[in-house]
Amino acid sequence: MEDYPERVRSALSELDPEGITPLLSEALEAGTPATDLLRAMSEAMTEVGRRFESGEYFLADLVLAGEEMKEGLRLLEPHLPKGEAGAKGTVIMCTVRGDIHDIGKNLVVNMLTSAGFRVVDLGVDVPAEKVVEAVRRESPFAVGLSILLTTMVGSIGEVVEGLQSAGLRDRVKIAIGGACTTPELVERYGVDALGRDAVEAVRIFSSWAT
């Protein structure tokens, strides 16, 4: 019998140029449980992250793996038990008001999703009130704010103040990330963590989810 989970794990971790979607379709048709395939993809993304941190893989490889994971999840989701794909809890993600960069944010979204989180992606140029509304509506345990433009760091403070005014700040952890973010900004705006890349972001949110 074909070991489809192992084949999926290998294809994704080795960045198979053919992609894993056809392999997942074949595996599902052969009766392989979707939960086993999801677990294999998550293990593969952990390996991709390890290779990125060791210097074996580069940012482009991480982006490629993230996109493959996203496509694979789209295929598997209808076959998974309700809630399985987001079992670790909900995270709100966005790029802050005044900034339209989304490559880093999208990568974090893909990596978090692959790690078992339910991610609500609000997009780019997101005002503080929209974040507050999403926290009230989705009941996340954490918020991730992406920012690339130094001129817009004040938007981090707007989100923190908005959540405080709404009485929601104590309900969520807040992480920031992006080229211009520094430990000084963490202290200045009273957020909880700084993630320097998508792999570290997954580590941070995972520590908060336990």
N, C-alpha and C. Protein backbone atom coordinates (compact mmCIF):
# COMPACT_ATOMS: atom_id res chain seq x y z
N MET A 1 0.84 -1.20 0.00
CA MET A 1 0.00 0.00 0.00
C MET A 1 0.88 1.25 0.00
N GLU A 2 0.49 2.23 -0.81
CA GLU A 2 1.25 3.48 -0.91
C GLU A 2 1.26 4.22 0.43
N ASP A 3 2.45 4.73 0.80
CA ASP A 3 2.55 5.56 2.00
C ASP A 3 2.40 7.02 1.56
N TYR A 4 1.15 7.41 1.33
CA TYR A 4 0.91 8.76 0.82
C TYR A 4 1.35 9.87 1.78
N PRO A 5 1.12 9.74 3.09
CA PRO A 5 1.60 10.80 3.98
C PRO A 5 3.11 11.04 3.85
N GLU A 6 3.88 9.95 3.74
CA GLU A 6 5.33 10.10 3.60
C GLU A 6 5.68 10.77 2.26
N ARG A 7 4.96 10.39 1.22
CA ARG A 7 5.21 11.02 -0.09
C ARG A 7 4.88 12.50 -0.07
N VAL A 8 3.79 12.86 0.60
CA VAL A 8 3.40 14.27 0.73
C VAL A 8 4.44 15.03 1.55
N ARG A 9 4.86 14.42 2.65
CA ARG A 9 5.87 15.06 3.50
C ARG A 9 7.15 15.32 2.72
N SER A 10 7.58 14.35 1.94
CA SER A 10 8.80 14.47 1.16
C SER A 10 8.65 15.51 0.05
N ALA A 11 7.52 15.47 -0.65
CA ALA A 11 7.31 16.40 -1.77
C ALA A 11 7.33 17.84 -1.31
N LEU A 12 6.66 18.12 -0.19
CA LEU A 12 6.60 19.50 0.29
C LEU A 12 7.92 19.95 0.89
N SER A 13 8.55 19.11 1.67
CA SER A 13 9.81 19.51 2.30
C SER A 13 10.95 19.63 1.30
N GLU A 14 10.86 18.89 0.18
CA GLU A 14 11.90 18.96 -0.85
C GLU A 14 11.55 19.97 -1.95
N LEU A 15 10.43 20.70 -1.76
CA LEU A 15 10.01 21.73 -2.71
C LEU A 15 9.83 21.16 -4.11
N ASP A 16 9.11 20.07 -4.19
CA ASP A 16 8.84 19.41 -5.46
C ASP A 16 8.23 20.39 -6.45
N PRO A 17 8.88 20.63 -7.60
CA PRO A 17 8.38 21.62 -8.57
C PRO A 17 7.03 21.24 -9.17
N GLU A 18 6.66 19.97 -9.09
CA GLU A 18 5.36 19.55 -9.61
C GLU A 18 4.22 19.91 -8.67
N GLY A 19 4.58 20.28 -7.44
CA GLY A 19 3.56 20.62 -6.47
C GLY A 19 2.95 19.40 -5.82
N ILE A 20 2.27 19.62 -4.69
CA ILE A 20 1.71 18.48 -3.96
C ILE A 20 0.21 18.30 -4.21
N THR A 21 -0.42 19.25 -4.89
CA THR A 21 -1.87 19.15 -5.09
C THR A 21 -2.27 17.87 -5.84
N PRO A 22 -1.62 17.52 -6.97
CA PRO A 22 -2.00 16.27 -7.63
C PRO A 22 -1.78 15.04 -6.74
N LEU A 23 -0.73 15.09 -5.95
CA LEU A 23 -0.44 13.97 -5.04
C LEU A 23 -1.52 13.85 -3.97
N LEU A 24 -1.97 14.99 -3.45
CA LEU A 24 -3.03 14.97 -2.45
C LEU A 24 -4.33 14.42 -3.03
N SER A 25 -4.64 14.82 -4.25
CA SER A 25 -5.85 14.31 -4.91
C SER A 25 -5.78 12.80 -5.06
N GLU A 26 -4.62 12.31 -5.47
CA GLU A 26 -4.42 10.87 -5.63
C GLU A 26 -4.57 10.16 -4.28
N ALA A 27 -4.00 10.77 -3.25
CA ALA A 27 -4.06 10.16 -1.92
C ALA A 27 -5.49 10.09 -1.40
N LEU A 28 -6.25 11.16 -1.61
CA LEU A 28 -7.65 11.17 -1.16
C LEU A 28 -8.47 10.12 -1.91
N GLU A 29 -8.23 10.01 -3.21
CA GLU A 29 -8.95 9.01 -4.01
C GLU A 29 -8.61 7.59 -3.57
N ALA A 30 -7.40 7.42 -3.05
CA ALA A 30 -6.98 6.08 -2.58
C ALA A 30 -7.48 5.79 -1.17
N GLY A 31 -8.17 6.77 -0.57
CA GLY A 31 -8.75 6.54 0.75
C GLY A 31 -7.89 6.96 1.92
N THR A 32 -6.81 7.69 1.67
CA THR A 32 -5.97 8.16 2.77
C THR A 32 -6.72 9.24 3.56
N PRO A 33 -6.80 9.12 4.89
CA PRO A 33 -7.50 10.12 5.69
C PRO A 33 -6.90 11.51 5.53
N ALA A 34 -7.76 12.50 5.36
CA ALA A 34 -7.28 13.87 5.17
C ALA A 34 -6.48 14.36 6.37
N THR A 35 -6.84 13.88 7.57
CA THR A 35 -6.10 14.30 8.76
C THR A 35 -4.66 13.81 8.72
N ASP A 36 -4.43 12.63 8.16
CA ASP A 36 -3.05 12.12 8.03
C ASP A 36 -2.26 12.97 7.05
N LEU A 37 -2.91 13.40 5.99
CA LEU A 37 -2.24 14.22 4.98
C LEU A 37 -1.94 15.61 5.53
N LEU A 38 -2.87 16.16 6.32
CA LEU A 38 -2.65 17.46 6.94
C LEU A 38 -1.47 17.39 7.90
N ARG A 39 -1.41 16.32 8.67
CA ARG A 39 -0.29 16.14 9.61
C ARG A 39 1.03 16.06 8.86
N ALA A 40 1.03 15.36 7.73
CA ALA A 40 2.25 15.23 6.94
C ALA A 40 2.70 16.59 6.39
N MET A 41 1.76 17.39 5.94
CA MET A 41 2.11 18.72 5.43
C MET A 41 2.65 19.61 6.54
N SER A 42 2.04 19.53 7.71
CA SER A 42 2.51 20.34 8.84
C SER A 42 3.93 19.94 9.24
N GLU A 43 4.21 18.64 9.25
CA GLU A 43 5.56 18.17 9.57
C GLU A 43 6.55 18.64 8.51
N ALA A 44 6.11 18.64 7.25
CA ALA A 44 6.98 19.10 6.16
C ALA A 44 7.31 20.58 6.31
N MET A 45 6.32 21.39 6.70
CA MET A 45 6.56 22.82 6.86
C MET A 45 7.50 23.08 8.04
N THR A 46 7.42 22.26 9.06
CA THR A 46 8.37 22.38 10.17
C THR A 46 9.78 22.12 9.68
N GLU A 47 9.94 21.12 8.81
CA GLU A 47 11.25 20.81 8.24
C GLU A 47 11.73 21.94 7.32
N VAL A 48 10.82 22.51 6.53
CA VAL A 48 11.19 23.64 5.68
C VAL A 48 11.68 24.80 6.54
N GLY A 49 10.98 25.06 7.64
CA GLY A 49 11.40 26.12 8.55
C GLY A 49 12.77 25.86 9.15
N ARG A 50 13.04 24.61 9.49
CA ARG A 50 14.35 24.25 10.04
C ARG A 50 15.45 24.50 9.01
N ARG A 51 15.18 24.12 7.76
CA ARG A 51 16.18 24.33 6.71
C ARG A 51 16.38 25.80 6.41
N PHE A 52 15.33 26.60 6.54
CA PHE A 52 15.45 28.05 6.35
C PHE A 52 16.35 28.64 7.44
N GLU A 53 16.12 28.25 8.66
CA GLU A 53 16.91 28.79 9.77
C GLU A 53 18.38 28.35 9.69
N SER A 54 18.62 27.17 9.12
CA SER A 54 20.00 26.69 9.01
C SER A 54 20.73 27.28 7.81
N GLY A 55 19.99 27.98 6.95
CA GLY A 55 20.61 28.58 5.76
C GLY A 55 20.57 27.71 4.53
N GLU A 56 20.01 26.51 4.66
CA GLU A 56 19.90 25.61 3.51
C GLU A 56 18.85 26.10 2.52
N TYR A 57 17.76 26.65 3.05
CA TYR A 57 16.71 27.24 2.22
C TYR A 57 16.72 28.75 2.39
N PHE A 58 16.22 29.45 1.37
CA PHE A 58 16.16 30.90 1.39
C PHE A 58 14.72 31.37 1.45
N LEU A 59 14.54 32.70 1.53
CA LEU A 59 13.20 33.25 1.66
C LEU A 59 12.29 32.81 0.52
N ALA A 60 12.83 32.78 -0.70
CA ALA A 60 12.02 32.37 -1.85
C ALA A 60 11.52 30.93 -1.68
N ASP A 61 12.35 30.07 -1.08
CA ASP A 61 11.95 28.69 -0.83
C ASP A 61 10.83 28.62 0.20
N LEU A 62 10.94 29.47 1.22
CA LEU A 62 9.92 29.53 2.26
C LEU A 62 8.59 29.99 1.68
N VAL A 63 8.66 30.99 0.80
CA VAL A 63 7.44 31.50 0.14
C VAL A 63 6.81 30.41 -0.73
N LEU A 64 7.65 29.70 -1.49
CA LEU A 64 7.16 28.63 -2.36
C LEU A 64 6.46 27.54 -1.55
N ALA A 65 7.10 27.12 -0.47
CA ALA A 65 6.51 26.08 0.37
C ALA A 65 5.20 26.56 0.98
N GLY A 66 5.15 27.82 1.38
CA GLY A 66 3.94 28.38 1.95
C GLY A 66 2.79 28.40 0.97
N GLU A 67 3.08 28.72 -0.28
CA GLU A 67 2.04 28.73 -1.31
C GLU A 67 1.55 27.31 -1.61
N GLU A 68 2.48 26.35 -1.64
CA GLU A 68 2.09 24.96 -1.85
C GLU A 68 1.21 24.47 -0.71
N MET A 69 1.57 24.87 0.51
CA MET A 69 0.79 24.49 1.67
C MET A 69 -0.62 25.07 1.57
N LYS A 70 -0.71 26.32 1.17
CA LYS A 70 -2.00 26.99 1.04
C LYS A 70 -2.89 26.27 0.04
N GLU A 71 -2.33 25.89 -1.10
CA GLU A 71 -3.11 25.17 -2.11
C GLU A 71 -3.54 23.79 -1.59
N GLY A 72 -2.63 23.14 -0.88
CA GLY A 72 -2.96 21.83 -0.33
C GLY A 72 -4.08 21.90 0.70
N LEU A 73 -4.04 22.93 1.55
CA LEU A 73 -5.08 23.09 2.56
C LEU A 73 -6.44 23.34 1.92
N ARG A 74 -6.43 24.11 0.84
CA ARG A 74 -7.69 24.40 0.13
C ARG A 74 -8.32 23.09 -0.37
N LEU A 75 -7.47 22.19 -0.83
CA LEU A 75 -7.97 20.90 -1.33
C LEU A 75 -8.45 19.99 -0.19
N LEU A 76 -7.72 20.00 0.92
CA LEU A 76 -8.04 19.10 2.02
C LEU A 76 -9.21 19.55 2.88
N GLU A 77 -9.42 20.85 2.99
CA GLU A 77 -10.37 21.38 3.96
C GLU A 77 -11.76 20.74 3.91
N PRO A 78 -12.34 20.51 2.72
CA PRO A 78 -13.67 19.89 2.69
C PRO A 78 -13.70 18.47 3.25
N HIS A 79 -12.52 17.85 3.34
CA HIS A 79 -12.44 16.46 3.79
C HIS A 79 -12.05 16.33 5.26
N LEU A 80 -11.80 17.47 5.92
CA LEU A 80 -11.35 17.43 7.31
C LEU A 80 -12.53 17.58 8.27
N PRO A 81 -12.43 16.96 9.45
CA PRO A 81 -13.47 17.17 10.46
C PRO A 81 -13.57 18.65 10.79
N LYS A 82 -14.76 19.11 11.08
CA LYS A 82 -14.97 20.53 11.36
C LYS A 82 -14.07 20.99 12.50
N GLY A 83 -13.32 22.05 12.25
CA GLY A 83 -12.43 22.61 13.26
C GLY A 83 -11.03 22.04 13.25
N GLU A 84 -10.80 20.97 12.51
CA GLU A 84 -9.48 20.32 12.51
C GLU A 84 -8.40 21.25 12.00
N ALA A 85 -8.70 22.02 10.94
CA ALA A 85 -7.69 22.87 10.32
C ALA A 85 -7.30 24.06 11.18
N GLY A 86 -8.12 24.42 12.16
CA GLY A 86 -7.79 25.56 13.01
C GLY A 86 -7.82 25.21 14.48
N ALA A 87 -7.42 24.00 14.79
CA ALA A 87 -7.58 23.45 16.14
C ALA A 87 -6.78 24.19 17.21
N LYS A 88 -5.70 24.89 16.82
CA LYS A 88 -4.85 25.53 17.81
C LYS A 88 -5.35 26.92 18.23
N GLY A 89 -6.44 27.37 17.64
CA GLY A 89 -6.97 28.68 18.01
C GLY A 89 -6.89 29.69 16.89
N THR A 90 -7.47 30.85 17.13
CA THR A 90 -7.61 31.88 16.11
C THR A 90 -6.61 33.01 16.29
N VAL A 91 -6.02 33.44 15.18
CA VAL A 91 -5.10 34.57 15.15
C VAL A 91 -5.61 35.58 14.12
N ILE A 92 -5.63 36.85 14.50
CA ILE A 92 -5.93 37.93 13.56
C ILE A 92 -4.62 38.43 12.97
N MET A 93 -4.54 38.54 11.63
CA MET A 93 -3.33 39.06 10.98
C MET A 93 -3.70 40.22 10.07
N CYS A 94 -2.80 41.21 9.99
CA CYS A 94 -3.00 42.31 9.04
C CYS A 94 -1.71 43.10 8.86
N THR A 95 -1.67 43.88 7.79
CA THR A 95 -0.66 44.92 7.63
C THR A 95 -1.33 46.21 8.09
N VAL A 96 -0.63 47.00 8.89
CA VAL A 96 -1.25 48.14 9.57
C VAL A 96 -1.63 49.28 8.62
N ARG A 97 -2.43 50.20 9.15
CA ARG A 97 -2.90 51.36 8.39
C ARG A 97 -1.71 52.11 7.78
N GLY A 98 -1.86 52.47 6.49
CA GLY A 98 -0.84 53.24 5.81
C GLY A 98 0.24 52.43 5.12
N ASP A 99 0.18 51.10 5.27
CA ASP A 99 1.19 50.21 4.67
C ASP A 99 0.47 49.15 3.83
N ILE A 100 0.91 49.00 2.58
CA ILE A 100 0.23 48.04 1.69
C ILE A 100 1.10 46.84 1.35
N HIS A 101 2.22 46.68 2.05
CA HIS A 101 3.09 45.53 1.78
C HIS A 101 2.47 44.27 2.38
N ASP A 102 2.50 43.18 1.61
CA ASP A 102 1.83 41.99 2.13
C ASP A 102 2.60 40.68 1.96
N ILE A 103 3.79 40.70 1.36
CA ILE A 103 4.51 39.45 1.14
C ILE A 103 4.84 38.76 2.46
N GLY A 104 5.40 39.52 3.41
CA GLY A 104 5.74 38.95 4.70
C GLY A 104 4.51 38.48 5.46
N LYS A 105 3.46 39.32 5.44
CA LYS A 105 2.22 38.94 6.13
C LYS A 105 1.65 37.66 5.54
N ASN A 106 1.60 37.58 4.22
CA ASN A 106 1.03 36.40 3.58
C ASN A 106 1.80 35.14 3.94
N LEU A 107 3.12 35.27 4.04
CA LEU A 107 3.94 34.12 4.40
C LEU A 107 3.64 33.67 5.82
N VAL A 108 3.51 34.63 6.73
CA VAL A 108 3.17 34.28 8.12
C VAL A 108 1.80 33.61 8.18
N VAL A 109 0.84 34.15 7.42
CA VAL A 109 -0.51 33.56 7.38
C VAL A 109 -0.43 32.10 6.94
N ASN A 110 0.31 31.85 5.86
CA ASN A 110 0.43 30.48 5.35
C ASN A 110 1.11 29.55 6.36
N MET A 111 2.16 30.05 6.98
CA MET A 111 2.90 29.23 7.95
C MET A 111 2.06 28.93 9.18
N LEU A 112 1.33 29.93 9.67
CA LEU A 112 0.47 29.72 10.83
C LEU A 112 -0.66 28.73 10.51
N THR A 113 -1.24 28.88 9.33
CA THR A 113 -2.30 27.97 8.92
C THR A 113 -1.79 26.54 8.84
N SER A 114 -0.59 26.39 8.30
CA SER A 114 -0.01 25.05 8.18
C SER A 114 0.31 24.46 9.54
N ALA A 115 0.53 25.33 10.52
CA ALA A 115 0.85 24.86 11.87
C ALA A 115 -0.40 24.54 12.68
N GLY A 116 -1.59 24.73 12.09
CA GLY A 116 -2.82 24.33 12.76
C GLY A 116 -3.65 25.45 13.35
N PHE A 117 -3.32 26.70 13.01
CA PHE A 117 -4.08 27.82 13.52
C PHE A 117 -5.18 28.24 12.53
N ARG A 118 -6.24 28.78 13.04
CA ARG A 118 -7.24 29.43 12.20
C ARG A 118 -6.82 30.90 12.10
N VAL A 119 -6.53 31.35 10.89
CA VAL A 119 -6.03 32.71 10.70
C VAL A 119 -7.07 33.55 9.97
N VAL A 120 -7.42 34.68 10.58
CA VAL A 120 -8.31 35.64 9.94
C VAL A 120 -7.43 36.77 9.40
N ASP A 121 -7.27 36.82 8.09
CA ASP A 121 -6.40 37.79 7.43
C ASP A 121 -7.22 39.00 7.01
N LEU A 122 -6.96 40.14 7.64
CA LEU A 122 -7.72 41.36 7.35
C LEU A 122 -7.16 42.13 6.17
N GLY A 123 -6.01 41.69 5.64
CA GLY A 123 -5.44 42.35 4.46
C GLY A 123 -4.43 43.42 4.82
N VAL A 124 -4.35 44.46 3.96
CA VAL A 124 -3.36 45.52 4.14
C VAL A 124 -4.05 46.86 4.40
N ASP A 125 -3.25 47.83 4.87
CA ASP A 125 -3.76 49.18 5.14
C ASP A 125 -4.99 49.11 6.05
N VAL A 126 -4.86 48.38 7.15
CA VAL A 126 -6.00 48.11 8.02
C VAL A 126 -6.03 49.10 9.20
N PRO A 127 -7.09 49.87 9.33
CA PRO A 127 -7.19 50.81 10.46
C PRO A 127 -7.43 50.08 11.77
N ALA A 128 -7.11 50.75 12.86
CA ALA A 128 -7.21 50.14 14.18
C ALA A 128 -8.62 49.67 14.49
N GLU A 129 -9.62 50.46 14.08
CA GLU A 129 -11.00 50.07 14.41
C GLU A 129 -11.41 48.75 13.76
N LYS A 130 -10.83 48.46 12.60
CA LYS A 130 -11.14 47.18 11.94
C LYS A 130 -10.53 46.02 12.71
N VAL A 131 -9.36 46.22 13.28
CA VAL A 131 -8.73 45.19 14.11
C VAL A 131 -9.57 44.96 15.35
N VAL A 132 -10.01 46.06 15.98
CA VAL A 132 -10.85 45.95 17.18
C VAL A 132 -12.13 45.17 16.88
N GLU A 133 -12.77 45.49 15.76
CA GLU A 133 -14.00 44.80 15.37
C GLU A 133 -13.75 43.31 15.19
N ALA A 134 -12.61 42.98 14.55
CA ALA A 134 -12.29 41.57 14.30
C ALA A 134 -12.01 40.82 15.59
N VAL A 135 -11.34 41.47 16.54
CA VAL A 135 -11.07 40.83 17.83
C VAL A 135 -12.38 40.57 18.56
N ARG A 136 -13.26 41.54 18.52
CA ARG A 136 -14.57 41.37 19.19
C ARG A 136 -15.38 40.24 18.53
N ARG A 137 -15.31 40.17 17.20
CA ARG A 137 -16.13 39.22 16.44
C ARG A 137 -15.56 37.80 16.45
N GLU A 138 -14.23 37.67 16.33
CA GLU A 138 -13.60 36.36 16.12
C GLU A 138 -13.05 35.72 17.39
N SER A 139 -12.94 36.49 18.47
CA SER A 139 -12.41 35.98 19.74
C SER A 139 -11.05 35.28 19.57
N PRO A 140 -10.07 35.94 18.98
CA PRO A 140 -8.74 35.33 18.83
C PRO A 140 -7.98 35.35 20.15
N PHE A 141 -6.92 34.57 20.21
CA PHE A 141 -6.04 34.67 21.38
C PHE A 141 -4.85 35.58 21.09
N ALA A 142 -4.67 35.93 19.80
CA ALA A 142 -3.52 36.75 19.44
C ALA A 142 -3.78 37.56 18.18
N VAL A 143 -3.00 38.65 18.05
CA VAL A 143 -3.05 39.53 16.88
C VAL A 143 -1.64 39.70 16.36
N GLY A 144 -1.48 39.59 15.04
CA GLY A 144 -0.18 39.82 14.42
C GLY A 144 -0.25 41.04 13.53
N LEU A 145 0.65 42.01 13.75
CA LEU A 145 0.67 43.24 12.98
C LEU A 145 1.95 43.30 12.14
N SER A 146 1.78 43.39 10.82
CA SER A 146 2.92 43.48 9.92
C SER A 146 3.11 44.93 9.49
N ILE A 147 4.38 45.37 9.43
CA ILE A 147 4.67 46.74 9.03
C ILE A 147 6.06 46.82 8.41
N LEU A 148 6.13 47.47 7.26
CA LEU A 148 7.41 47.61 6.58
C LEU A 148 7.90 49.06 6.57
N LEU A 149 6.97 50.00 6.60
CA LEU A 149 7.29 51.42 6.49
C LEU A 149 7.54 52.05 7.85
N THR A 150 8.74 52.59 8.04
CA THR A 150 9.08 53.24 9.30
C THR A 150 8.12 54.38 9.63
N THR A 151 7.64 55.07 8.61
CA THR A 151 6.76 56.22 8.81
C THR A 151 5.40 55.84 9.40
N MET A 152 5.08 54.56 9.38
CA MET A 152 3.76 54.14 9.84
C MET A 152 3.80 53.35 11.15
N VAL A 153 4.93 53.42 11.87
CA VAL A 153 5.01 52.64 13.12
C VAL A 153 3.96 53.10 14.13
N GLY A 154 3.51 54.34 14.03
CA GLY A 154 2.49 54.83 14.95
C GLY A 154 1.19 54.05 14.86
N SER A 155 0.98 53.38 13.72
CA SER A 155 -0.24 52.58 13.56
C SER A 155 -0.28 51.42 14.55
N ILE A 156 0.89 50.96 14.99
CA ILE A 156 0.93 49.91 16.01
C ILE A 156 0.28 50.43 17.29
N GLY A 157 0.68 51.65 17.67
CA GLY A 157 0.11 52.26 18.87
C GLY A 157 -1.39 52.46 18.76
N GLU A 158 -1.86 52.80 17.56
CA GLU A 158 -3.30 53.01 17.37
C GLU A 158 -4.08 51.72 17.63
N VAL A 159 -3.53 50.59 17.19
CA VAL A 159 -4.20 49.31 17.43
C VAL A 159 -4.21 48.99 18.93
N VAL A 160 -3.08 49.18 19.58
CA VAL A 160 -3.00 48.90 21.02
C VAL A 160 -3.99 49.78 21.79
N GLU A 161 -4.01 51.07 21.46
CA GLU A 161 -4.92 52.00 22.13
C GLU A 161 -6.38 51.65 21.85
N GLY A 162 -6.66 51.24 20.60
CA GLY A 162 -8.02 50.87 20.25
C GLY A 162 -8.51 49.67 21.04
N LEU A 163 -7.63 48.69 21.18
CA LEU A 163 -7.99 47.50 21.95
C LEU A 163 -8.15 47.82 23.43
N GLN A 164 -7.31 48.71 23.95
CA GLN A 164 -7.42 49.11 25.35
C GLN A 164 -8.74 49.84 25.60
N SER A 165 -9.08 50.76 24.70
CA SER A 165 -10.31 51.54 24.85
C SER A 165 -11.55 50.65 24.80
N ALA A 166 -11.46 49.57 24.00
CA ALA A 166 -12.59 48.66 23.86
C ALA A 166 -12.62 47.60 24.97
N GLY A 167 -11.64 47.63 25.86
CA GLY A 167 -11.58 46.66 26.94
C GLY A 167 -11.17 45.27 26.48
N LEU A 168 -10.44 45.22 25.34
CA LEU A 168 -10.08 43.93 24.75
C LEU A 168 -8.59 43.61 24.85
N ARG A 169 -7.78 44.57 25.27
CA ARG A 169 -6.33 44.37 25.22
C ARG A 169 -5.87 43.18 26.05
N ASP A 170 -6.49 42.98 27.20
CA ASP A 170 -6.06 41.88 28.07
C ASP A 170 -6.45 40.51 27.54
N ARG A 171 -7.31 40.47 26.52
CA ARG A 171 -7.77 39.18 25.98
C ARG A 171 -6.82 38.61 24.93
N VAL A 172 -5.94 39.44 24.39
CA VAL A 172 -5.09 39.00 23.28
C VAL A 172 -3.63 39.35 23.50
N LYS A 173 -2.77 38.52 22.96
CA LYS A 173 -1.35 38.84 22.84
C LYS A 173 -1.16 39.54 21.48
N ILE A 174 -0.18 40.43 21.40
CA ILE A 174 0.10 41.13 20.16
C ILE A 174 1.55 40.94 19.77
N ALA A 175 1.77 40.50 18.52
CA ALA A 175 3.12 40.39 17.98
C ALA A 175 3.25 41.31 16.78
N ILE A 176 4.41 41.90 16.61
CA ILE A 176 4.68 42.74 15.45
C ILE A 176 5.82 42.12 14.65
N GLY A 177 5.87 42.46 13.36
CA GLY A 177 6.94 41.96 12.52
C GLY A 177 7.05 42.78 11.26
N GLY A 178 8.22 42.75 10.63
CA GLY A 178 8.46 43.53 9.43
C GLY A 178 9.83 44.17 9.49
N ALA A 179 10.28 44.68 8.37
CA ALA A 179 11.66 45.16 8.24
C ALA A 179 12.01 46.28 9.22
N CYS A 180 11.04 47.11 9.58
CA CYS A 180 11.35 48.27 10.42
C CYS A 180 11.11 48.01 11.90
N THR A 181 10.63 46.84 12.26
CA THR A 181 10.30 46.59 13.67
C THR A 181 11.55 46.29 14.49
N THR A 182 11.53 46.76 15.73
CA THR A 182 12.67 46.62 16.64
C THR A 182 12.18 46.31 18.05
N PRO A 183 13.07 45.81 18.90
CA PRO A 183 12.69 45.60 20.30
C PRO A 183 12.25 46.91 20.96
N GLU A 184 12.79 48.02 20.51
CA GLU A 184 12.40 49.32 21.08
C GLU A 184 10.93 49.60 20.82
N LEU A 185 10.42 49.20 19.65
CA LEU A 185 9.00 49.40 19.34
C LEU A 185 8.12 48.52 20.22
N VAL A 186 8.60 47.33 20.53
CA VAL A 186 7.87 46.44 21.43
C VAL A 186 7.65 47.13 22.77
N GLU A 187 8.71 47.74 23.28
CA GLU A 187 8.64 48.43 24.57
C GLU A 187 7.80 49.71 24.47
N ARG A 188 8.00 50.46 23.38
CA ARG A 188 7.30 51.75 23.24
C ARG A 188 5.79 51.58 23.21
N TYR A 189 5.32 50.57 22.47
CA TYR A 189 3.88 50.42 22.29
C TYR A 189 3.25 49.34 23.18
N GLY A 190 4.06 48.69 23.98
CA GLY A 190 3.51 47.73 24.92
C GLY A 190 2.95 46.47 24.28
N VAL A 191 3.57 46.04 23.17
CA VAL A 191 3.14 44.77 22.57
C VAL A 191 3.92 43.64 23.22
N ASP A 192 3.59 42.41 22.83
CA ASP A 192 4.12 41.26 23.57
C ASP A 192 5.33 40.58 22.95
N ALA A 193 5.54 40.76 21.63
CA ALA A 193 6.66 40.06 21.00
C ALA A 193 6.98 40.66 19.65
N LEU A 194 8.19 40.38 19.20
CA LEU A 194 8.66 40.76 17.87
C LEU A 194 9.10 39.50 17.14
N GLY A 195 8.52 39.25 15.96
CA GLY A 195 8.92 38.11 15.15
C GLY A 195 9.75 38.57 13.97
N ARG A 196 10.96 38.06 13.84
CA ARG A 196 11.86 38.54 12.79
C ARG A 196 11.63 37.86 11.45
N ASP A 197 10.95 36.71 11.45
CA ASP A 197 10.60 36.04 10.20
C ASP A 197 9.41 35.12 10.47
N ALA A 198 8.91 34.49 9.42
CA ALA A 198 7.70 33.67 9.56
C ALA A 198 7.93 32.46 10.47
N VAL A 199 9.11 31.89 10.45
CA VAL A 199 9.40 30.73 11.29
C VAL A 199 9.34 31.13 12.76
N GLU A 200 9.95 32.28 13.08
CA GLU A 200 9.91 32.75 14.47
C GLU A 200 8.48 33.12 14.87
N ALA A 201 7.70 33.65 13.93
CA ALA A 201 6.31 34.00 14.21
C ALA A 201 5.52 32.77 14.64
N VAL A 202 5.70 31.67 13.93
CA VAL A 202 5.01 30.43 14.29
C VAL A 202 5.41 29.98 15.70
N ARG A 203 6.68 30.13 16.00
CA ARG A 203 7.17 29.73 17.32
C ARG A 203 6.51 30.58 18.42
N ILE A 204 6.41 31.89 18.15
CA ILE A 204 5.81 32.80 19.13
C ILE A 204 4.34 32.46 19.36
N PHE A 205 3.57 32.36 18.30
CA PHE A 205 2.14 32.09 18.45
C PHE A 205 1.90 30.71 19.05
N SER A 206 2.75 29.76 18.72
CA SER A 206 2.60 28.41 19.28
C SER A 206 2.83 28.44 20.80
N SER A 207 3.78 29.24 21.24
CA SER A 207 4.06 29.33 22.69
C SER A 207 2.88 29.97 23.42
N TRP A 208 2.19 30.88 22.75
CA TRP A 208 1.02 31.53 23.37
C TRP A 208 -0.21 30.63 23.37
N ALA A 209 -0.25 29.69 22.45
CA ALA A 209 -1.43 28.85 22.32
C ALA A 209 -1.45 27.71 23.34
N THR A 210 -0.32 27.44 23.96
CA THR A 210 -0.25 26.31 24.89
C THR A 210 -0.56 26.74 26.31
